[in-house]
N, C-alpha and C. Protein backbone atom coordinates (compact mmCIF):
# COMPACT_ATOMS: atom_id res chain seq x y z
N UNK A 1 -69.15 -11.83 -8.53
CA UNK A 1 -68.69 -12.42 -8.91
C UNK A 1 -69.08 -13.74 -9.25
N UNK A 2 -69.09 -14.23 -10.60
CA UNK A 2 -69.84 -15.29 -10.87
C UNK A 2 -68.80 -16.84 -10.60
N UNK A 3 -69.65 -17.53 -10.50
CA UNK A 3 -68.90 -19.48 -10.26
C UNK A 3 -67.47 -19.48 -11.16
N UNK A 4 -67.24 -18.81 -12.31
CA UNK A 4 -65.87 -18.83 -12.67
C UNK A 4 -65.03 -18.13 -11.68
N UNK A 5 -65.02 -16.82 -11.16
CA UNK A 5 -64.21 -16.30 -10.25
C UNK A 5 -63.86 -16.90 -9.28
N UNK A 6 -65.25 -17.48 -8.51
CA UNK A 6 -64.77 -18.28 -7.12
C UNK A 6 -64.11 -19.36 -7.48
N UNK A 7 -64.36 -20.11 -8.55
CA UNK A 7 -63.44 -21.09 -8.91
C UNK A 7 -61.90 -20.89 -8.94
N UNK A 8 -61.97 -19.55 -9.95
CA UNK A 8 -60.44 -19.43 -10.09
C UNK A 8 -59.82 -19.18 -8.75
N UNK A 9 -60.45 -17.98 -8.03
CA UNK A 9 -59.48 -17.61 -6.51
C UNK A 9 -59.43 -18.94 -5.59
N UNK A 10 -60.57 -19.97 -5.93
CA UNK A 10 -60.27 -21.10 -5.07
C UNK A 10 -58.61 -21.65 -5.19
N UNK A 11 -58.43 -21.72 -6.48
CA UNK A 11 -57.45 -22.43 -7.50
C UNK A 11 -56.21 -22.01 -6.70
N UNK A 12 -56.07 -20.49 -6.86
CA UNK A 12 -54.94 -19.55 -6.67
C UNK A 12 -54.36 -19.94 -4.96
N UNK A 13 -55.94 -20.14 -4.31
CA UNK A 13 -55.10 -19.93 -2.66
C UNK A 13 -54.76 -21.52 -2.50
N UNK A 14 -55.19 -22.38 -3.22
CA UNK A 14 -54.94 -23.93 -2.87
C UNK A 14 -53.57 -23.81 -3.52
N UNK A 15 -53.51 -23.25 -4.87
CA UNK A 15 -51.89 -23.56 -4.91
C UNK A 15 -50.72 -23.22 -4.41
N UNK A 16 -51.43 -21.77 -3.81
CA UNK A 16 -50.58 -21.22 -2.71
C UNK A 16 -50.31 -21.99 -1.48
N UNK A 17 -50.98 -22.35 -1.25
CA UNK A 17 -51.21 -23.17 -0.09
C UNK A 17 -50.19 -23.83 0.08
N UNK A 18 -50.27 -25.17 -1.29
CA UNK A 18 -49.21 -26.51 -1.64
C UNK A 18 -48.06 -25.87 -1.62
N UNK A 19 -47.64 -24.73 -2.48
CA UNK A 19 -46.53 -24.43 -2.58
C UNK A 19 -45.70 -24.33 -1.14
N UNK A 20 -46.35 -23.62 -0.28
CA UNK A 20 -46.09 -22.62 0.96
C UNK A 20 -45.78 -24.19 1.73
N UNK A 21 -46.31 -24.72 1.74
CA UNK A 21 -46.04 -25.92 2.36
C UNK A 21 -45.24 -26.92 2.13
N UNK A 22 -44.94 -27.51 0.65
CA UNK A 22 -44.49 -28.33 0.30
C UNK A 22 -42.64 -27.29 0.84
N UNK A 23 -42.96 -26.28 0.63
CA UNK A 23 -41.30 -25.27 1.16
C UNK A 23 -40.84 -25.76 2.21
N UNK A 24 -42.03 -25.76 3.18
CA UNK A 24 -41.77 -25.84 4.55
C UNK A 24 -41.10 -27.11 4.39
N UNK A 25 -41.81 -28.17 4.39
CA UNK A 25 -41.97 -29.47 4.63
C UNK A 25 -40.03 -29.73 3.58
N UNK A 26 -39.70 -29.14 2.51
CA UNK A 26 -38.64 -29.29 2.70
C UNK A 26 -37.34 -28.70 3.16
N UNK A 27 -37.63 -27.32 3.73
CA UNK A 27 -36.79 -27.04 4.88
C UNK A 27 -36.79 -27.82 6.10
N UNK A 28 -37.75 -28.14 6.24
CA UNK A 28 -37.55 -28.94 7.55
C UNK A 28 -36.91 -30.44 7.66
N UNK A 29 -36.99 -30.95 6.42
CA UNK A 29 -36.35 -32.49 6.19
C UNK A 29 -34.58 -31.98 6.04
N UNK A 30 -34.55 -30.83 5.23
CA UNK A 30 -32.71 -30.44 4.97
C UNK A 30 -32.29 -29.91 6.17
N UNK A 31 -33.21 -29.46 7.53
CA UNK A 31 -32.66 -29.18 8.68
C UNK A 31 -32.46 -30.69 9.17
N UNK A 32 -33.00 -31.32 9.63
CA UNK A 32 -33.23 -32.69 10.46
C UNK A 32 -32.13 -33.64 9.54
N UNK A 33 -31.90 -33.29 8.68
CA UNK A 33 -30.92 -34.35 7.96
C UNK A 33 -29.23 -33.75 8.12
N UNK A 34 -29.14 -32.73 7.84
CA UNK A 34 -27.94 -31.77 8.78
C UNK A 34 -27.56 -32.46 9.92
N UNK A 35 -29.05 -32.07 10.40
CA UNK A 35 -28.59 -32.45 11.98
C UNK A 35 -28.35 -34.13 12.08
N UNK A 36 -28.39 -35.18 11.15
CA UNK A 36 -28.52 -36.39 11.35
C UNK A 36 -27.06 -36.73 10.91
N UNK A 37 -26.42 -36.01 9.80
CA UNK A 37 -25.29 -35.64 9.60
C UNK A 37 -23.96 -35.34 10.44
N UNK A 38 -24.48 -34.27 11.15
CA UNK A 38 -23.36 -33.79 12.15
C UNK A 38 -23.59 -35.26 13.26
N UNK A 39 -24.30 -35.76 13.66
CA UNK A 39 -24.29 -36.65 14.76
C UNK A 39 -23.27 -37.75 14.00
N UNK A 40 -23.63 -38.59 12.62
CA UNK A 40 -22.80 -38.86 12.02
C UNK A 40 -21.67 -38.98 12.44
N UNK A 41 -21.11 -37.55 11.78
CA UNK A 41 -20.11 -37.18 11.63
C UNK A 41 -19.17 -37.26 13.00
N UNK A 42 -19.97 -36.82 14.15
CA UNK A 42 -19.40 -36.78 15.44
C UNK A 42 -18.98 -37.93 15.83
N UNK A 43 -19.65 -39.03 16.06
CA UNK A 43 -19.39 -40.64 15.95
C UNK A 43 -18.54 -40.94 15.42
N UNK A 44 -18.12 -40.92 14.23
CA UNK A 44 -17.08 -41.53 13.46
C UNK A 44 -15.99 -40.33 14.00
N UNK A 45 -15.62 -39.51 14.25
CA UNK A 45 -14.37 -38.82 14.90
C UNK A 45 -14.35 -39.18 16.27
N UNK A 46 -15.86 -40.18 17.10
CA UNK A 46 -15.29 -40.22 18.37
C UNK A 46 -14.23 -41.28 18.42
N UNK A 47 -14.54 -42.35 17.27
CA UNK A 47 -13.94 -43.87 17.77
C UNK A 47 -12.86 -43.78 17.35
N UNK A 48 -11.67 -44.30 17.84
CA UNK A 48 -10.40 -43.91 17.52
C UNK A 48 -9.57 -44.93 16.23
N UNK A 49 -9.25 -44.11 15.20
CA UNK A 49 -8.75 -44.90 14.21
C UNK A 49 -7.28 -45.39 14.02
N UNK A 50 -7.30 -46.74 13.45
CA UNK A 50 -6.08 -47.61 13.69
C UNK A 50 -5.09 -46.38 12.70
N UNK A 51 -3.72 -46.48 12.48
CA UNK A 51 -2.66 -45.57 11.26
C UNK A 51 -2.94 -46.56 10.30
N UNK A 52 -2.79 -45.86 9.02
CA UNK A 52 -3.16 -46.70 7.93
C UNK A 52 -1.48 -47.65 7.66
N UNK A 53 -0.46 -46.54 7.98
CA UNK A 53 0.70 -47.80 7.86
C UNK A 53 1.33 -47.63 9.20
N UNK A 54 1.50 -48.81 9.95
CA UNK A 54 2.01 -49.13 11.11
C UNK A 54 3.97 -48.64 11.01
N UNK A 55 4.15 -49.91 9.46
CA UNK A 55 5.34 -50.04 9.20
C UNK A 55 5.72 -50.17 7.59
N UNK A 56 6.52 -49.58 6.98
CA UNK A 56 6.58 -49.77 5.75
C UNK A 56 7.04 -51.26 5.29
N UNK A 57 6.79 -51.62 4.27
CA UNK A 57 7.02 -53.17 3.45
C UNK A 57 8.68 -53.16 3.53
N UNK A 58 9.10 -54.33 3.93
CA UNK A 58 10.08 -54.90 3.77
C UNK A 58 11.32 -54.13 2.68
N UNK A 59 10.43 -54.14 0.89
CA UNK A 59 10.82 -53.80 0.00
C UNK A 59 11.22 -52.40 0.64
N UNK A 60 10.80 -51.69 1.28
CA UNK A 60 11.06 -50.04 1.10
C UNK A 60 11.70 -49.56 2.34
N UNK A 61 12.32 -50.37 3.60
CA UNK A 61 12.90 -50.34 4.55
C UNK A 61 14.40 -50.01 4.09
N UNK A 62 15.29 -50.17 3.41
CA UNK A 62 16.41 -50.23 3.24
C UNK A 62 16.32 -50.21 1.90
N UNK A 63 17.39 -49.23 1.24
CA UNK A 63 17.72 -49.24 -0.58
C UNK A 63 18.92 -50.48 -0.53
N UNK A 64 18.44 -50.63 -1.79
CA UNK A 64 19.77 -51.97 -2.28
C UNK A 64 20.89 -51.15 -2.16
N UNK A 65 22.04 -52.17 -2.23
CA UNK A 65 23.64 -51.45 -1.84
C UNK A 65 23.66 -50.52 -2.97
N UNK A 66 23.25 -50.76 -4.27
CA UNK A 66 23.73 -49.77 -5.25
C UNK A 66 23.25 -48.39 -5.16
N UNK A 67 22.30 -48.69 -4.76
CA UNK A 67 21.83 -47.22 -4.49
C UNK A 67 21.83 -46.49 -3.33
N UNK A 68 23.15 -47.00 -2.55
CA UNK A 68 22.96 -46.28 -1.15
C UNK A 68 24.07 -45.39 -1.19
N UNK A 69 25.01 -45.13 -2.67
CA UNK A 69 25.46 -43.94 -2.39
C UNK A 69 25.22 -43.41 -3.63
N UNK A 70 25.41 -42.37 -4.06
CA UNK A 70 25.19 -41.54 -5.30
C UNK A 70 26.38 -41.60 -6.35
N UNK A 71 25.51 -42.00 -7.74
CA UNK A 71 26.78 -42.24 -8.35
C UNK A 71 28.03 -41.05 -8.88
N UNK A 72 29.20 -40.83 -9.19
CA UNK A 72 29.86 -39.85 -8.87
C UNK A 72 29.61 -38.74 -9.81
N UNK A 73 28.79 -38.94 -10.97
CA UNK A 73 28.37 -37.16 -11.57
C UNK A 73 27.00 -36.49 -10.92
N UNK A 74 26.61 -37.28 -9.67
CA UNK A 74 25.43 -36.20 -9.03
C UNK A 74 25.87 -36.63 -7.80
N UNK A 75 27.14 -36.82 -7.55
CA UNK A 75 27.43 -36.31 -5.76
C UNK A 75 27.99 -34.47 -6.00
N UNK A 76 28.10 -33.93 -5.03
CA UNK A 76 27.87 -32.70 -4.63
C UNK A 76 29.23 -32.63 -4.23
N UNK A 77 30.07 -31.50 -5.38
CA UNK A 77 31.48 -30.92 -5.51
C UNK A 77 32.18 -30.67 -3.84
N UNK A 78 33.30 -30.94 -4.04
CA UNK A 78 33.39 -30.44 -2.24
C UNK A 78 34.10 -29.38 -2.48
N UNK A 79 33.82 -28.37 -1.84
CA UNK A 79 34.60 -26.81 -2.14
C UNK A 79 35.39 -26.49 -1.06
N UNK A 80 36.58 -25.78 -1.38
CA UNK A 80 37.60 -25.71 -0.33
C UNK A 80 37.26 -24.32 0.14
N UNK A 81 37.37 -23.88 1.40
CA UNK A 81 36.65 -22.91 1.99
C UNK A 81 37.80 -21.52 1.47
N UNK A 82 37.27 -20.63 0.88
CA UNK A 82 37.06 -19.52 0.49
C UNK A 82 38.46 -18.55 1.03
N UNK A 83 39.23 -18.59 0.70
CA UNK A 83 40.44 -17.53 1.34
C UNK A 83 39.51 -16.14 1.79
N UNK A 84 39.91 -16.05 3.31
CA UNK A 84 39.48 -14.20 3.50
C UNK A 84 39.73 -13.30 2.31
N UNK A 85 38.77 -12.33 2.23
CA UNK A 85 39.38 -11.25 1.07
C UNK A 85 39.43 -9.89 1.31
N UNK A 86 38.77 -10.15 2.83
CA UNK A 86 38.72 -8.58 3.52
C UNK A 86 39.65 -8.48 4.91
N UNK A 87 40.49 -7.86 5.19
CA UNK A 87 40.72 -7.94 6.59
C UNK A 87 39.67 -7.43 7.36
N UNK A 88 39.73 -7.59 8.47
CA UNK A 88 38.75 -6.73 9.51
C UNK A 88 39.36 -5.32 9.75
N UNK A 89 38.72 -4.43 9.60
CA UNK A 89 38.23 -3.00 9.76
C UNK A 89 39.10 -2.61 10.61
N UNK A 90 40.29 -1.77 10.79
CA UNK A 90 40.94 -1.04 11.59
C UNK A 90 40.06 -0.54 13.16
N UNK A 91 40.41 -0.18 14.42
CA UNK A 91 39.53 -0.02 15.11
C UNK A 91 39.51 1.40 15.05
N UNK A 92 38.58 1.82 14.93
CA UNK A 92 38.81 3.50 14.50
C UNK A 92 38.51 4.07 16.32
N UNK A 93 39.32 5.71 16.32
CA UNK A 93 39.43 6.06 17.64
C UNK A 93 37.74 6.95 17.30
N UNK A 94 37.38 7.61 18.66
CA UNK A 94 36.22 8.30 18.50
C UNK A 94 36.77 10.06 17.76
N UNK A 95 35.67 10.03 17.29
CA UNK A 95 35.94 11.29 16.33
C UNK A 95 36.07 12.70 17.59
N UNK A 96 36.68 13.51 17.02
CA UNK A 96 36.95 14.52 17.73
C UNK A 96 35.73 15.46 18.27
N UNK A 97 34.99 15.93 19.08
CA UNK A 97 33.81 16.71 19.18
C UNK A 97 34.04 18.04 18.31
N UNK A 98 32.38 17.79 17.66
CA UNK A 98 32.31 19.27 16.59
C UNK A 98 32.72 20.31 17.23
N UNK A 99 33.49 21.07 16.46
CA UNK A 99 33.62 22.75 17.11
C UNK A 99 32.72 23.52 17.37
N UNK A 100 32.11 23.88 17.72
CA UNK A 100 31.05 24.89 18.79
C UNK A 100 30.67 25.76 17.35
N UNK A 101 29.49 26.39 17.47
CA UNK A 101 29.21 27.43 16.30
C UNK A 101 29.58 28.13 16.03
N UNK A 102 30.12 28.55 15.81
CA UNK A 102 30.73 29.95 15.69
C UNK A 102 29.71 31.09 15.89
N UNK A 103 30.07 32.33 16.69
CA UNK A 103 29.01 33.22 16.78
C UNK A 103 28.90 33.98 16.15
N UNK A 104 27.56 34.42 15.56
CA UNK A 104 27.21 35.12 14.30
C UNK A 104 27.91 36.41 14.39
N UNK A 105 28.54 37.41 13.73
CA UNK A 105 29.40 38.29 13.87
C UNK A 105 28.19 39.50 13.56
N UNK A 106 28.53 40.47 13.92
CA UNK A 106 27.66 41.72 14.38
C UNK A 106 27.24 42.25 13.11
N UNK A 107 28.15 42.20 11.98
CA UNK A 107 27.50 42.38 10.59
C UNK A 107 26.14 41.48 10.10
N UNK A 108 26.29 40.32 10.71
CA UNK A 108 25.71 39.51 10.36
C UNK A 108 24.44 39.70 10.82
N UNK A 109 24.00 39.96 12.29
CA UNK A 109 23.13 40.42 13.24
C UNK A 109 22.18 41.37 12.43
N UNK A 110 23.31 42.14 12.25
CA UNK A 110 22.70 43.55 11.84
C UNK A 110 21.53 43.70 10.17
N UNK A 111 22.53 42.36 9.54
CA UNK A 111 22.00 42.20 8.02
C UNK A 111 20.45 41.48 8.32
N UNK A 112 20.53 40.47 9.61
CA UNK A 112 18.97 39.67 10.08
C UNK A 112 18.23 40.77 10.27
N UNK A 113 18.38 41.63 11.35
CA UNK A 113 17.39 42.83 11.34
C UNK A 113 16.79 43.22 10.26
N UNK A 114 17.93 43.72 9.73
CA UNK A 114 17.63 44.32 8.25
C UNK A 114 16.73 43.56 7.56
N UNK A 115 16.38 42.42 7.26
CA UNK A 115 16.01 41.22 6.85
C UNK A 115 14.48 41.26 7.63
N UNK A 116 14.48 41.43 8.34
CA UNK A 116 12.91 41.38 9.06
C UNK A 116 12.57 42.63 8.91
N UNK A 117 13.28 43.44 8.96
CA UNK A 117 12.48 45.26 8.97
C UNK A 117 11.40 44.98 7.55
N UNK A 118 12.49 44.81 6.77
CA UNK A 118 12.25 44.49 5.13
C UNK A 118 11.33 43.84 4.85
N UNK A 119 10.70 42.47 5.60
CA UNK A 119 9.58 42.08 5.48
C UNK A 119 8.36 42.15 6.45
N UNK A 120 8.74 43.14 7.16
CA UNK A 120 7.55 44.10 7.87
C UNK A 120 7.50 43.66 9.16
N UNK A 121 8.15 42.79 9.47
CA UNK A 121 8.24 41.92 11.21
C UNK A 121 8.86 43.12 12.10
N UNK A 122 9.44 43.60 11.55
CA UNK A 122 10.18 44.34 12.85
C UNK A 122 9.72 46.18 12.27
N UNK A 123 9.17 47.20 12.96
CA UNK A 123 8.87 48.18 12.24
C UNK A 123 10.50 48.91 12.69
N UNK A 124 10.25 50.12 12.28
CA UNK A 124 11.52 51.44 12.29
C UNK A 124 12.07 51.37 13.60
N UNK A 125 10.84 51.51 14.79
CA UNK A 125 11.69 51.75 16.03
C UNK A 125 12.20 50.77 16.45
N UNK A 126 11.22 49.29 16.30
CA UNK A 126 12.15 48.32 16.81
C UNK A 126 13.69 47.99 16.21
N UNK A 127 13.68 48.20 14.87
CA UNK A 127 14.93 47.67 14.25
C UNK A 127 16.31 48.89 14.80
N UNK A 128 15.89 50.11 15.37
CA UNK A 128 16.90 50.75 15.65
C UNK A 128 16.96 50.44 16.84
N UNK A 129 16.34 50.55 17.58
CA UNK A 129 16.22 49.58 19.24
C UNK A 129 17.19 48.35 19.51
N UNK A 130 16.86 47.38 18.32
CA UNK A 130 17.52 46.41 18.59
C UNK A 130 19.34 46.41 17.82
N UNK A 131 19.43 47.21 16.50
CA UNK A 131 20.46 47.56 16.69
C UNK A 131 21.53 48.68 17.32
N UNK A 132 20.79 49.83 17.84
CA UNK A 132 21.47 50.20 19.26
C UNK A 132 22.04 49.00 20.24
N UNK A 133 21.02 48.19 20.75
CA UNK A 133 21.26 47.30 21.73
C UNK A 133 23.12 46.75 20.91
N UNK A 134 22.56 45.99 19.94
CA UNK A 134 24.01 45.08 19.34
C UNK A 134 25.15 45.89 19.16
N UNK A 135 25.01 47.32 18.78
CA UNK A 135 26.14 48.21 18.82
C UNK A 135 26.70 48.63 20.32
N UNK A 136 25.69 48.60 21.26
CA UNK A 136 26.16 49.04 22.54
C UNK A 136 25.59 50.41 22.64
N UNK A 137 25.18 50.97 21.85
CA UNK A 137 24.88 52.34 22.55
C UNK A 137 23.67 52.90 23.28
């Protein structure tokens, strides 16, 4: 590597070092500035502040007499209470209890068994045994 290569390498290294050190310096400066700003803010909050307005100026304390009551066109209309439209609902008596579910008839039971047999849920022997039990045979 010649003299020109060495010079180029030195320039690159020096440039990189300068950029890195500049970045580090800026970062440290921002960090210290942020701490200083936070301290100043905390000091400002620690000082008791006087309220800006302790009392309204005299011209705003009371409205002039001509403005103490709204003109008639701006006053709210006074409505009469509405007459009752609906009467209270009558007191209802409790509904009688619902009739007990009617027991299925013998024919309905046998039809259910037949449906189960046709669907393949009951075999022929099970169907016959259940039907005999229903018929009391």
